[in-house]
């Protein structure tokens, strides 16, 4: 019985040690910091023409995504991760976020998936590679 109480108490103490600093840091800063994270971009390198259908208002939107992102060419995603044939893009901006999850088609040059954002909007998103990166075969 005493061993059981000690193990439960140990788990509680470890949980408090791990969780308490995270809560304190968030309160001290008072705002969300946006960081960038890019992984596995070689597979989708180039310029993509993206189409979004918002099911909340039934409108179509377009944007151009340059990979690797170029801050001088427009908005840059806060996360862009390619893992196998999956592509995850997160856009953070003051007051909200938007996330896109897509799959690359087997033939390459096309990706399809869905998006969601902080306001509850969701829908389909697709991309077409319009200009691949130049390959240096030296």
N, C-alpha and C. Protein backbone atom coordinates (compact mmCIF):
# COMPACT_ATOMS: atom_id res chain seq x y z
N UNK A 1 0.82 -1.19 0.00
CA UNK A 1 0.00 0.00 0.00
C UNK A 1 0.86 1.25 0.00
N UNK A 2 1.92 1.24 0.83
CA UNK A 2 2.82 2.40 0.91
C UNK A 2 3.56 2.56 -0.42
N UNK A 3 3.97 1.45 -1.02
CA UNK A 3 4.67 1.51 -2.31
C UNK A 3 3.77 2.13 -3.39
N UNK A 4 2.51 1.76 -3.35
CA UNK A 4 1.55 2.29 -4.34
C UNK A 4 1.38 3.79 -4.16
N UNK A 5 1.27 4.26 -2.91
CA UNK A 5 1.13 5.70 -2.65
C UNK A 5 2.38 6.45 -3.08
N UNK A 6 3.56 5.86 -2.84
CA UNK A 6 4.81 6.50 -3.25
C UNK A 6 4.90 6.63 -4.76
N UNK A 7 4.47 5.59 -5.50
CA UNK A 7 4.54 5.65 -6.95
C UNK A 7 3.55 6.67 -7.51
N UNK A 8 2.37 6.76 -6.94
CA UNK A 8 1.39 7.76 -7.36
C UNK A 8 1.91 9.16 -7.06
N UNK A 9 2.48 9.34 -5.87
CA UNK A 9 3.05 10.64 -5.50
C UNK A 9 4.21 11.02 -6.41
N UNK A 10 5.05 10.07 -6.78
CA UNK A 10 6.18 10.33 -7.67
C UNK A 10 5.71 10.78 -9.04
N UNK A 11 4.68 10.13 -9.56
CA UNK A 11 4.13 10.51 -10.86
C UNK A 11 3.57 11.93 -10.80
N UNK A 12 2.88 12.25 -9.73
CA UNK A 12 2.32 13.60 -9.57
C UNK A 12 3.42 14.65 -9.51
N UNK A 13 4.48 14.38 -8.77
CA UNK A 13 5.58 15.34 -8.65
C UNK A 13 6.26 15.54 -9.99
N UNK A 14 6.53 14.46 -10.71
CA UNK A 14 7.16 14.57 -12.03
C UNK A 14 6.25 15.33 -12.99
N UNK A 15 4.96 15.05 -12.96
CA UNK A 15 4.01 15.77 -13.81
C UNK A 15 4.00 17.25 -13.52
N UNK A 16 4.04 17.62 -12.25
CA UNK A 16 4.05 19.05 -11.88
C UNK A 16 5.35 19.71 -12.32
N UNK A 17 6.47 19.02 -12.20
CA UNK A 17 7.75 19.59 -12.61
C UNK A 17 7.74 19.84 -14.13
N UNK A 18 7.18 18.90 -14.90
CA UNK A 18 7.18 19.06 -16.35
C UNK A 18 6.16 20.09 -16.81
N UNK A 19 5.01 20.16 -16.20
CA UNK A 19 3.95 21.05 -16.66
C UNK A 19 4.06 22.47 -16.12
N UNK A 20 4.53 22.65 -14.91
CA UNK A 20 4.56 23.98 -14.30
C UNK A 20 5.40 24.98 -15.08
N UNK A 21 6.64 24.65 -15.49
CA UNK A 21 7.42 25.62 -16.24
C UNK A 21 6.77 26.03 -17.56
N UNK A 22 6.06 25.13 -18.22
CA UNK A 22 5.40 25.49 -19.47
C UNK A 22 4.33 26.54 -19.24
N UNK A 23 3.54 26.40 -18.21
CA UNK A 23 2.49 27.38 -17.91
C UNK A 23 3.06 28.72 -17.49
N UNK A 24 4.13 28.72 -16.70
CA UNK A 24 4.74 29.96 -16.24
C UNK A 24 5.31 30.73 -17.42
N UNK A 25 5.98 30.06 -18.34
CA UNK A 25 6.58 30.72 -19.49
C UNK A 25 5.54 31.38 -20.37
N UNK A 26 4.40 30.73 -20.55
CA UNK A 26 3.35 31.29 -21.39
C UNK A 26 2.77 32.55 -20.76
N UNK A 27 2.63 32.56 -19.44
CA UNK A 27 2.07 33.74 -18.78
C UNK A 27 3.04 34.90 -18.81
N UNK A 28 4.34 34.63 -18.67
CA UNK A 28 5.32 35.70 -18.64
C UNK A 28 5.43 36.41 -19.98
N UNK A 29 5.37 35.68 -21.07
CA UNK A 29 5.53 36.28 -22.38
C UNK A 29 4.29 37.07 -22.79
N UNK A 30 3.12 36.59 -22.48
CA UNK A 30 1.90 37.31 -22.77
C UNK A 30 1.46 37.25 -24.22
N UNK A 31 2.26 36.67 -25.09
CA UNK A 31 1.88 36.56 -26.49
C UNK A 31 2.54 35.32 -27.11
N UNK A 32 1.99 34.88 -28.22
CA UNK A 32 2.53 33.72 -28.90
C UNK A 32 3.69 34.14 -29.78
N UNK A 33 4.76 33.40 -29.72
CA UNK A 33 5.89 33.66 -30.60
C UNK A 33 5.78 32.73 -31.80
N UNK A 34 5.96 33.28 -32.99
CA UNK A 34 5.89 32.50 -34.21
C UNK A 34 7.30 32.13 -34.62
N UNK A 35 7.55 30.84 -34.78
CA UNK A 35 8.85 30.37 -35.23
C UNK A 35 8.67 29.63 -36.54
N UNK A 36 9.72 29.53 -37.31
CA UNK A 36 9.63 28.81 -38.57
C UNK A 36 10.31 27.47 -38.45
N UNK A 37 9.74 26.48 -39.12
CA UNK A 37 10.28 25.12 -39.12
C UNK A 37 10.05 24.54 -40.50
N UNK A 38 11.13 24.16 -41.18
CA UNK A 38 11.04 23.59 -42.52
C UNK A 38 11.82 22.29 -42.56
N UNK A 39 11.18 21.22 -43.06
CA UNK A 39 11.84 19.91 -43.15
C UNK A 39 11.45 19.20 -44.44
N UNK A 40 12.41 18.52 -45.07
CA UNK A 40 12.14 17.66 -46.23
C UNK A 40 11.68 18.37 -47.47
N UNK A 41 12.13 19.58 -47.68
CA UNK A 41 11.61 20.40 -48.78
C UNK A 41 12.11 19.99 -50.16
N UNK A 42 13.16 19.16 -50.24
CA UNK A 42 13.71 18.78 -51.54
C UNK A 42 12.65 18.16 -52.45
N UNK A 43 11.74 17.43 -51.88
CA UNK A 43 10.73 16.69 -52.65
C UNK A 43 9.72 17.62 -53.32
N UNK A 44 9.49 18.80 -52.76
CA UNK A 44 8.49 19.72 -53.33
C UNK A 44 9.12 21.05 -53.74
N UNK A 45 10.42 21.05 -53.99
CA UNK A 45 11.14 22.28 -54.33
C UNK A 45 10.60 22.88 -55.62
N UNK A 46 10.30 24.18 -55.58
CA UNK A 46 9.81 24.89 -56.75
C UNK A 46 8.72 25.88 -56.39
N UNK A 47 7.99 26.31 -57.42
CA UNK A 47 6.88 27.24 -57.23
C UNK A 47 5.58 26.49 -57.48
N UNK A 48 4.67 26.56 -56.50
CA UNK A 48 3.39 25.85 -56.54
C UNK A 48 2.24 26.83 -56.65
N UNK A 49 1.29 26.52 -57.50
CA UNK A 49 0.05 27.28 -57.60
C UNK A 49 -0.98 26.53 -56.76
N UNK A 50 -1.44 27.17 -55.71
CA UNK A 50 -2.33 26.52 -54.75
C UNK A 50 -3.76 27.05 -54.91
N UNK A 51 -4.73 26.15 -54.84
CA UNK A 51 -6.15 26.48 -54.92
C UNK A 51 -6.83 25.99 -53.65
N UNK A 52 -7.64 26.85 -53.04
CA UNK A 52 -8.33 26.54 -51.79
C UNK A 52 -9.82 26.76 -51.98
N UNK A 53 -10.61 25.77 -51.55
CA UNK A 53 -12.07 25.93 -51.53
C UNK A 53 -12.52 25.97 -50.08
N UNK A 54 -13.02 27.12 -49.66
CA UNK A 54 -13.49 27.31 -48.29
C UNK A 54 -14.95 26.89 -48.22
N UNK A 55 -15.23 25.83 -47.47
CA UNK A 55 -16.60 25.33 -47.38
C UNK A 55 -17.48 26.19 -46.47
N UNK A 56 -16.87 27.05 -45.65
CA UNK A 56 -17.64 27.91 -44.77
C UNK A 56 -18.38 28.99 -45.57
N UNK A 57 -17.69 29.58 -46.57
CA UNK A 57 -18.34 30.62 -47.37
C UNK A 57 -18.42 30.25 -48.85
N UNK A 58 -18.03 29.05 -49.21
CA UNK A 58 -18.08 28.53 -50.58
C UNK A 58 -17.37 29.45 -51.57
N UNK A 59 -16.21 29.92 -51.19
CA UNK A 59 -15.40 30.75 -52.08
C UNK A 59 -14.11 30.03 -52.43
N UNK A 60 -13.56 30.40 -53.57
CA UNK A 60 -12.30 29.85 -54.05
C UNK A 60 -11.21 30.90 -53.86
N UNK A 61 -10.05 30.44 -53.42
CA UNK A 61 -8.90 31.32 -53.22
C UNK A 61 -7.70 30.70 -53.90
N UNK A 62 -6.74 31.54 -54.28
CA UNK A 62 -5.50 31.07 -54.87
C UNK A 62 -4.33 31.76 -54.19
N UNK A 63 -3.22 31.06 -54.11
CA UNK A 63 -1.98 31.68 -53.67
C UNK A 63 -0.82 30.93 -54.29
N UNK A 64 0.34 31.54 -54.28
CA UNK A 64 1.55 30.92 -54.80
C UNK A 64 2.45 30.60 -53.63
N UNK A 65 2.95 29.37 -53.61
CA UNK A 65 3.84 28.90 -52.55
C UNK A 65 5.20 28.63 -53.17
N UNK A 66 6.21 29.33 -52.69
CA UNK A 66 7.57 29.10 -53.16
C UNK A 66 8.29 28.21 -52.14
N UNK A 67 8.91 27.13 -52.63
CA UNK A 67 9.62 26.20 -51.77
C UNK A 67 11.05 26.07 -52.28
N UNK A 68 12.07 26.33 -51.48
CA UNK A 68 12.00 26.78 -50.09
C UNK A 68 11.43 28.20 -50.02
N UNK A 69 10.77 28.52 -48.91
CA UNK A 69 10.12 29.83 -48.77
C UNK A 69 11.11 30.99 -48.89
N UNK A 70 10.64 32.05 -49.52
CA UNK A 70 11.44 33.27 -49.69
C UNK A 70 10.70 34.41 -49.00
N UNK A 71 11.21 34.90 -47.87
CA UNK A 71 10.53 35.97 -47.15
C UNK A 71 10.35 37.25 -47.98
N UNK A 72 11.17 37.45 -48.99
CA UNK A 72 11.06 38.64 -49.84
C UNK A 72 9.95 38.52 -50.87
N UNK A 73 9.42 37.31 -51.09
CA UNK A 73 8.41 37.08 -52.12
C UNK A 73 6.99 37.07 -51.57
N UNK A 74 6.80 37.28 -50.26
CA UNK A 74 5.46 37.28 -49.70
C UNK A 74 5.40 36.53 -48.38
N UNK A 75 4.19 36.19 -47.94
CA UNK A 75 4.03 35.48 -46.66
C UNK A 75 4.77 34.14 -46.66
N UNK A 76 5.30 33.79 -45.51
CA UNK A 76 6.07 32.56 -45.34
C UNK A 76 5.36 31.70 -44.29
N UNK A 77 5.16 30.41 -44.57
CA UNK A 77 4.53 29.55 -43.57
C UNK A 77 5.42 29.40 -42.34
N UNK A 78 4.81 29.22 -41.18
CA UNK A 78 5.59 29.00 -39.97
C UNK A 78 6.11 27.57 -39.89
N UNK A 79 5.41 26.63 -40.51
CA UNK A 79 5.88 25.24 -40.60
C UNK A 79 5.60 24.73 -41.99
N UNK A 80 6.56 24.03 -42.53
CA UNK A 80 6.41 23.37 -43.83
C UNK A 80 7.20 22.07 -43.72
N UNK A 81 6.48 20.97 -43.57
CA UNK A 81 7.11 19.68 -43.30
C UNK A 81 6.66 18.67 -44.35
N UNK A 82 7.64 18.02 -44.98
CA UNK A 82 7.36 16.95 -45.94
C UNK A 82 7.90 15.67 -45.34
N UNK A 83 7.03 14.68 -45.19
CA UNK A 83 7.41 13.39 -44.63
C UNK A 83 6.84 12.31 -45.54
N UNK A 84 7.71 11.70 -46.34
CA UNK A 84 7.23 10.73 -47.33
C UNK A 84 6.42 11.47 -48.37
N UNK A 85 5.16 11.08 -48.55
CA UNK A 85 4.27 11.75 -49.50
C UNK A 85 3.29 12.70 -48.83
N UNK A 86 3.49 12.97 -47.55
CA UNK A 86 2.60 13.90 -46.84
C UNK A 86 3.26 15.27 -46.72
N UNK A 87 2.44 16.29 -46.85
CA UNK A 87 2.91 17.68 -46.75
C UNK A 87 2.04 18.38 -45.72
N UNK A 88 2.67 19.01 -44.74
CA UNK A 88 1.97 19.77 -43.71
C UNK A 88 2.44 21.21 -43.77
N UNK A 89 1.50 22.14 -43.88
CA UNK A 89 1.83 23.57 -43.91
C UNK A 89 0.99 24.26 -42.84
N UNK A 90 1.66 25.06 -42.02
CA UNK A 90 0.96 25.85 -40.99
C UNK A 90 1.31 27.31 -41.21
N UNK A 91 0.28 28.14 -41.23
CA UNK A 91 0.43 29.58 -41.35
C UNK A 91 -0.01 30.19 -40.03
N UNK A 92 0.87 30.92 -39.36
CA UNK A 92 0.54 31.64 -38.14
C UNK A 92 0.56 33.12 -38.44
N UNK A 93 -0.43 33.82 -37.94
CA UNK A 93 -0.51 35.27 -38.12
C UNK A 93 -1.17 35.85 -36.89
N UNK A 94 -1.06 37.16 -36.68
CA UNK A 94 -1.66 37.76 -35.48
C UNK A 94 -3.15 37.42 -35.38
N UNK A 95 -3.51 36.78 -34.30
CA UNK A 95 -4.91 36.46 -34.05
C UNK A 95 -5.40 35.14 -34.61
N UNK A 96 -4.54 34.34 -35.23
CA UNK A 96 -5.05 33.09 -35.76
C UNK A 96 -4.02 32.23 -36.46
N UNK A 97 -4.52 31.15 -37.11
CA UNK A 97 -3.67 30.21 -37.81
C UNK A 97 -4.49 29.50 -38.87
N UNK A 98 -3.80 28.85 -39.78
CA UNK A 98 -4.42 27.99 -40.77
C UNK A 98 -3.48 26.81 -40.99
N UNK A 99 -4.03 25.60 -41.12
CA UNK A 99 -3.23 24.40 -41.33
C UNK A 99 -3.71 23.67 -42.58
N UNK A 100 -2.75 23.18 -43.36
CA UNK A 100 -3.05 22.41 -44.56
C UNK A 100 -2.34 21.07 -44.45
N UNK A 101 -3.06 19.99 -44.74
CA UNK A 101 -2.49 18.65 -44.76
C UNK A 101 -2.77 18.06 -46.13
N UNK A 102 -1.71 17.69 -46.84
CA UNK A 102 -1.88 17.22 -48.22
C UNK A 102 -1.05 15.97 -48.48
N UNK A 103 -1.41 15.28 -49.56
CA UNK A 103 -0.66 14.12 -50.05
C UNK A 103 -0.15 14.43 -51.45
N UNK A 104 1.11 14.09 -51.70
CA UNK A 104 1.67 14.20 -53.04
C UNK A 104 1.16 13.04 -53.87
N UNK A 105 0.75 13.32 -55.09
CA UNK A 105 0.35 12.23 -55.98
C UNK A 105 1.57 11.47 -56.44
N UNK A 106 1.36 10.24 -56.81
CA UNK A 106 2.45 9.35 -57.22
C UNK A 106 3.24 9.93 -58.39
N UNK A 107 2.58 10.60 -59.32
CA UNK A 107 3.26 11.14 -60.49
C UNK A 107 4.08 12.39 -60.15
N UNK A 108 3.85 12.97 -59.00
CA UNK A 108 4.58 14.18 -58.59
C UNK A 108 4.01 15.40 -59.28
N UNK A 109 4.34 16.54 -58.77
CA UNK A 109 3.87 17.78 -59.36
C UNK A 109 2.45 18.17 -58.98
N UNK A 110 1.76 17.34 -58.21
CA UNK A 110 0.40 17.63 -57.77
C UNK A 110 0.23 17.15 -56.34
N UNK A 111 -0.42 17.97 -55.51
CA UNK A 111 -0.77 17.54 -54.16
C UNK A 111 -2.19 17.98 -53.84
N UNK A 112 -2.89 17.16 -53.07
CA UNK A 112 -4.28 17.42 -52.70
C UNK A 112 -4.47 17.15 -51.23
N UNK A 113 -5.41 17.87 -50.61
CA UNK A 113 -5.70 17.62 -49.21
C UNK A 113 -6.76 18.55 -48.67
N UNK A 114 -6.65 18.84 -47.38
CA UNK A 114 -7.65 19.66 -46.70
C UNK A 114 -6.97 20.74 -45.88
N UNK A 115 -7.76 21.74 -45.48
CA UNK A 115 -7.26 22.78 -44.60
C UNK A 115 -8.29 23.04 -43.51
N UNK A 116 -7.83 23.65 -42.45
CA UNK A 116 -8.71 24.14 -41.39
C UNK A 116 -8.05 25.38 -40.81
N UNK A 117 -8.86 26.25 -40.20
CA UNK A 117 -8.27 27.43 -39.58
C UNK A 117 -8.93 27.73 -38.24
N UNK A 118 -8.45 28.77 -37.58
CA UNK A 118 -8.89 29.12 -36.23
C UNK A 118 -10.36 29.52 -36.19
N UNK A 119 -10.93 29.99 -37.29
CA UNK A 119 -12.31 30.47 -37.31
C UNK A 119 -13.31 29.36 -37.61
N UNK A 120 -12.84 28.13 -37.77
CA UNK A 120 -13.74 27.02 -38.03
C UNK A 120 -13.92 26.72 -39.50
N UNK A 121 -13.29 27.50 -40.36
CA UNK A 121 -13.38 27.22 -41.79
C UNK A 121 -12.59 25.97 -42.10
N UNK A 122 -13.03 25.27 -43.13
CA UNK A 122 -12.34 24.07 -43.59
C UNK A 122 -12.69 23.86 -45.04
N UNK A 123 -11.96 22.97 -45.68
CA UNK A 123 -12.25 22.71 -47.08
C UNK A 123 -11.10 22.02 -47.76
N UNK A 124 -11.16 22.02 -49.08
CA UNK A 124 -10.16 21.34 -49.88
C UNK A 124 -9.07 22.29 -50.33
N UNK A 125 -7.89 21.73 -50.50
CA UNK A 125 -6.76 22.50 -51.02
C UNK A 125 -5.99 21.59 -51.97
N UNK A 126 -5.55 22.16 -53.08
CA UNK A 126 -4.75 21.40 -54.05
C UNK A 126 -3.66 22.30 -54.59
N UNK A 127 -2.58 21.69 -54.99
CA UNK A 127 -1.46 22.44 -55.52
C UNK A 127 -0.90 21.79 -56.76
N UNK A 128 -0.40 22.63 -57.67
CA UNK A 128 0.20 22.16 -58.90
C UNK A 128 1.56 22.82 -59.04
N UNK A 129 2.58 22.02 -59.28
CA UNK A 129 3.93 22.53 -59.46
C UNK A 129 4.02 23.22 -60.81
N UNK A 130 4.27 24.54 -60.80
CA UNK A 130 4.34 25.29 -62.06
C UNK A 130 5.78 25.57 -62.49
N UNK A 131 6.71 25.55 -61.54
CA UNK A 131 8.12 25.77 -61.89
C UNK A 131 9.00 25.03 -60.89
N UNK A 132 9.55 23.87 -61.29
CA UNK A 132 10.41 23.12 -60.38
C UNK A 132 11.75 23.84 -60.17
N UNK A 133 12.44 23.48 -59.10
CA UNK A 133 13.77 24.03 -58.84
C UNK A 133 14.73 23.52 -59.91
N UNK A 134 15.74 24.32 -60.19
CA UNK A 134 16.77 23.93 -61.14
C UNK A 134 17.69 22.93 -60.45
N UNK A 135 17.94 21.81 -61.10
CA UNK A 135 18.79 20.77 -60.55
C UNK A 135 20.22 20.98 -61.02
N UNK A 136 21.16 21.02 -60.08
CA UNK A 136 22.58 21.14 -60.41
C UNK A 136 23.20 19.75 -60.37
N UNK A 137 23.43 19.16 -61.52
CA UNK A 137 24.02 17.81 -61.61
C UNK A 137 25.51 17.92 -61.90
N UNK A 138 26.26 18.42 -60.94
CA UNK A 138 27.69 18.60 -61.12
C UNK A 138 28.44 17.48 -60.48
